[in-house]
Amino acid sequence: MRYAAYIGLGSNLPSSSGDSAETVRTAMGTLAALGSVAAQSSLYRTAPVGYQEQPDFINAVVALETEFEPQTLLRKMLAVERSFGRDRRASVPKGPRTLDLDMLLVLDAGNAVVLESDALTLPHPEMAKRRFVLEPLSEIAPELLHPVLGKTVLELLDELPDRDEGVVG
């Protein structure tokens, strides 16, 4: 079985790969070991959400074609985070991090997976409210349909307030 997974990446602390932008670029390459990166967005500099006393984030989205079903892919993504120095148990919620990987949406044979478990909810429950997700996602998959809201990524992005971040590369 082949899945198309849309994964959000974010970083606002340096890692062994370098600064936040280099960390995100390197993580994109690391995700290729879990399948094939079909598309990747530009990098976006964004202000933190929630916990404000931290540096700006570098965010991006990749489309990954993979054989891994969503729960297995999530475990592998968390291992990638750890390899970049992230310790979810010891970090402040929504606080600074070397690498954050979020599974946004998964397609199975072209149909969006809707899933709710203790470990994973698909589509990501906050994606429709987050410009730092929708902006890069719209760059690579503007017509991707949110299966619960029945709107495209571009329509969801258009509904958000004016943007306050910029493309960095």
Protein backbone atom coordinates (compact mmCIF):
# COMPACT_ATOMS: atom_id res chain seq x y z
CA MET A 1 0.00 0.00 0.00
CA ARG A 2 1.26 3.49 -0.82
CA TYR A 3 0.43 6.54 1.27
CA ALA A 4 0.95 10.25 0.59
CA ALA A 5 1.75 11.97 3.88
CA TYR A 6 1.94 15.74 4.28
CA ILE A 7 4.36 16.56 7.07
CA GLY A 8 4.92 19.94 8.70
CA LEU A 9 8.44 20.76 9.86
CA GLY A 10 9.46 23.47 12.31
CA SER A 11 12.58 24.53 14.19
CA ASN A 12 13.63 27.50 16.28
CA LEU A 13 16.74 26.15 18.01
CA PRO A 14 20.00 25.06 16.43
CA SER A 15 20.74 21.36 16.13
CA SER A 16 23.83 19.35 15.23
CA SER A 17 22.90 20.21 11.60
CA GLY A 18 23.24 23.96 12.16
CA ASP A 19 20.78 26.81 12.57
CA SER A 20 17.00 26.35 12.33
CA ALA A 21 16.89 26.74 8.54
CA GLU A 22 19.66 24.19 8.05
CA THR A 23 17.96 21.85 10.53
CA VAL A 24 14.72 21.96 8.53
CA ARG A 25 16.57 21.45 5.23
CA THR A 26 18.49 18.48 6.67
CA ALA A 27 15.31 17.02 8.20
CA MET A 28 13.64 17.16 4.78
CA GLY A 29 16.43 14.98 3.47
CA THR A 30 16.21 12.65 6.46
CA LEU A 31 12.49 12.13 5.82
CA ALA A 32 13.40 10.78 2.38
CA ALA A 33 14.68 7.66 4.19
CA LEU A 34 11.02 6.97 5.13
CA GLY A 35 9.84 7.03 1.53
CA SER A 36 10.20 9.47 -1.31
CA VAL A 37 9.87 13.25 -0.96
CA ALA A 38 7.45 14.12 -3.77
CA ALA A 39 7.37 17.86 -3.04
CA GLN A 40 8.75 20.33 -0.54
CA SER A 41 7.82 23.90 0.19
CA SER A 42 10.01 26.91 0.66
CA LEU A 43 11.13 27.78 4.17
CA TYR A 44 9.01 30.30 6.07
CA ARG A 45 10.00 32.42 9.07
CA THR A 46 7.09 32.60 11.51
CA ALA A 47 6.40 34.06 14.92
CA PRO A 48 5.83 31.58 17.76
CA VAL A 49 2.26 30.56 18.66
CA GLY A 50 1.23 30.18 22.30
CA TYR A 51 4.47 30.47 24.27
CA GLN A 52 5.84 33.81 23.03
CA GLU A 53 9.20 34.06 24.83
CA GLN A 54 11.19 32.19 22.19
CA PRO A 55 12.85 32.76 18.82
CA ASP A 56 10.94 32.79 15.53
CA PHE A 57 10.44 29.45 13.80
CA ILE A 58 11.50 28.21 10.41
CA ASN A 59 8.62 26.16 8.96
CA ALA A 60 8.09 24.05 5.85
CA VAL A 61 5.96 21.18 4.55
CA VAL A 62 6.92 18.07 2.60
CA ALA A 63 4.79 15.58 0.71
CA LEU A 64 6.16 12.11 1.40
CA GLU A 65 5.20 9.01 -0.54
CA THR A 66 5.65 6.09 1.84
CA GLU A 67 4.77 2.47 2.44
CA PHE A 68 4.33 3.13 6.16
CA GLU A 69 0.82 3.30 7.56
CA PRO A 70 0.19 6.44 9.65
CA GLN A 71 0.92 5.08 13.17
CA THR A 72 4.18 3.48 12.03
CA LEU A 73 5.16 6.63 10.17
CA LEU A 74 4.47 8.68 13.32
CA ARG A 75 6.83 6.48 15.37
CA LYS A 76 9.53 6.90 12.74
CA MET A 77 8.97 10.68 12.62
CA LEU A 78 9.37 10.90 16.42
CA ALA A 79 12.66 8.98 16.08
CA VAL A 80 13.80 11.57 13.51
CA GLU A 81 12.92 14.36 15.97
CA ARG A 82 14.98 12.64 18.68
CA SER A 83 17.92 12.27 16.28
CA PHE A 84 17.91 16.08 15.96
CA GLY A 85 18.02 16.49 19.76
CA ARG A 86 14.32 16.89 20.57
CA ASP A 87 13.06 15.51 23.88
CA ARG A 88 9.27 15.94 23.92
CA ARG A 89 8.99 14.87 27.58
CA ALA A 90 11.45 17.48 28.84
CA SER A 91 10.28 20.41 26.69
CA VAL A 92 7.82 23.20 27.35
CA PRO A 93 4.55 22.66 25.43
CA LYS A 94 4.65 24.86 22.29
CA GLY A 95 8.09 25.98 23.45
CA PRO A 96 11.45 26.14 21.71
CA ARG A 97 12.61 23.02 19.88
CA THR A 98 15.33 21.78 17.59
CA LEU A 99 12.82 19.99 15.34
CA ASP A 100 9.08 19.50 15.29
CA LEU A 101 7.47 17.11 12.81
CA ASP A 102 3.69 17.03 12.50
CA MET A 103 1.69 14.66 10.33
CA LEU A 104 -0.87 16.99 8.80
CA LEU A 105 -2.85 14.84 6.41
CA VAL A 106 -2.46 11.39 4.88
CA LEU A 107 -3.94 10.07 1.65
CA ASP A 108 -4.53 6.36 1.15
CA ALA A 109 -5.13 5.55 -2.55
CA GLY A 110 -6.08 9.21 -3.04
CA ASN A 111 -8.58 9.32 -0.16
CA ALA A 112 -7.82 11.30 2.97
CA VAL A 113 -7.42 9.23 6.12
CA VAL A 114 -9.59 10.36 9.04
CA LEU A 115 -8.27 8.89 12.27
CA GLU A 116 -8.50 9.59 15.98
CA SER A 117 -6.42 7.65 18.47
CA ASP A 118 -4.49 8.46 21.64
CA ALA A 119 -1.31 8.92 19.62
CA LEU A 120 -2.54 10.42 16.35
CA THR A 121 -5.41 12.47 14.95
CA LEU A 122 -5.77 12.92 11.19
CA PRO A 123 -6.13 15.38 9.73
CA HIS A 124 -4.06 17.35 12.25
CA PRO A 125 -6.63 19.04 14.51
CA GLU A 126 -4.99 22.49 14.37
CA MET A 127 -3.86 22.64 10.75
CA ALA A 128 -6.81 24.73 9.51
CA LYS A 129 -5.99 27.46 12.08
CA ARG A 130 -2.27 27.70 11.43
CA ARG A 131 -0.91 29.96 8.73
CA PHE A 132 2.57 28.52 9.33
CA VAL A 133 1.14 25.18 8.15
CA LEU A 134 -1.28 26.31 5.45
CA GLU A 135 1.10 28.76 3.72
CA PRO A 136 3.79 26.19 2.91
CA LEU A 137 1.18 23.45 2.31
CA SER A 138 -0.63 25.67 -0.19
CA GLU A 139 2.64 26.08 -2.07
CA ILE A 140 2.87 22.34 -2.79
CA ALA A 141 -0.78 21.18 -2.61
CA PRO A 142 -3.22 24.12 -2.89
CA GLU A 143 -6.15 21.94 -4.01
CA LEU A 144 -5.66 19.30 -1.30
CA LEU A 145 -9.03 18.83 0.38
CA HIS A 146 -9.47 18.82 4.16
CA PRO A 147 -11.74 15.76 4.56
CA VAL A 148 -13.58 17.01 7.64
CA LEU A 149 -14.04 20.68 6.71
CA GLY A 150 -14.62 20.03 3.00
CA LYS A 151 -12.38 22.95 1.97
CA THR A 152 -9.13 23.08 0.03
CA VAL A 153 -5.89 24.19 1.62
CA LEU A 154 -6.09 27.40 -0.40
CA GLU A 155 -9.65 28.11 0.81
CA LEU A 156 -8.59 27.53 4.43
CA LEU A 157 -5.61 29.84 3.97
CA ASP A 158 -7.81 32.56 2.48
CA GLU A 159 -10.02 32.46 5.58
CA LEU A 160 -7.14 33.30 7.95
CA PRO A 161 -6.23 36.85 9.02
CA ASP A 162 -3.44 38.69 7.18
CA ARG A 163 -0.10 37.00 7.25
CA ASP A 164 2.84 38.05 9.38
CA GLU A 165 5.64 35.80 8.21
CA GLY A 166 7.85 35.60 5.19
CA VAL A 167 9.56 33.17 2.89
CA VAL A 168 13.23 32.71 3.72
CA GLY A 169 14.26 30.28 1.00
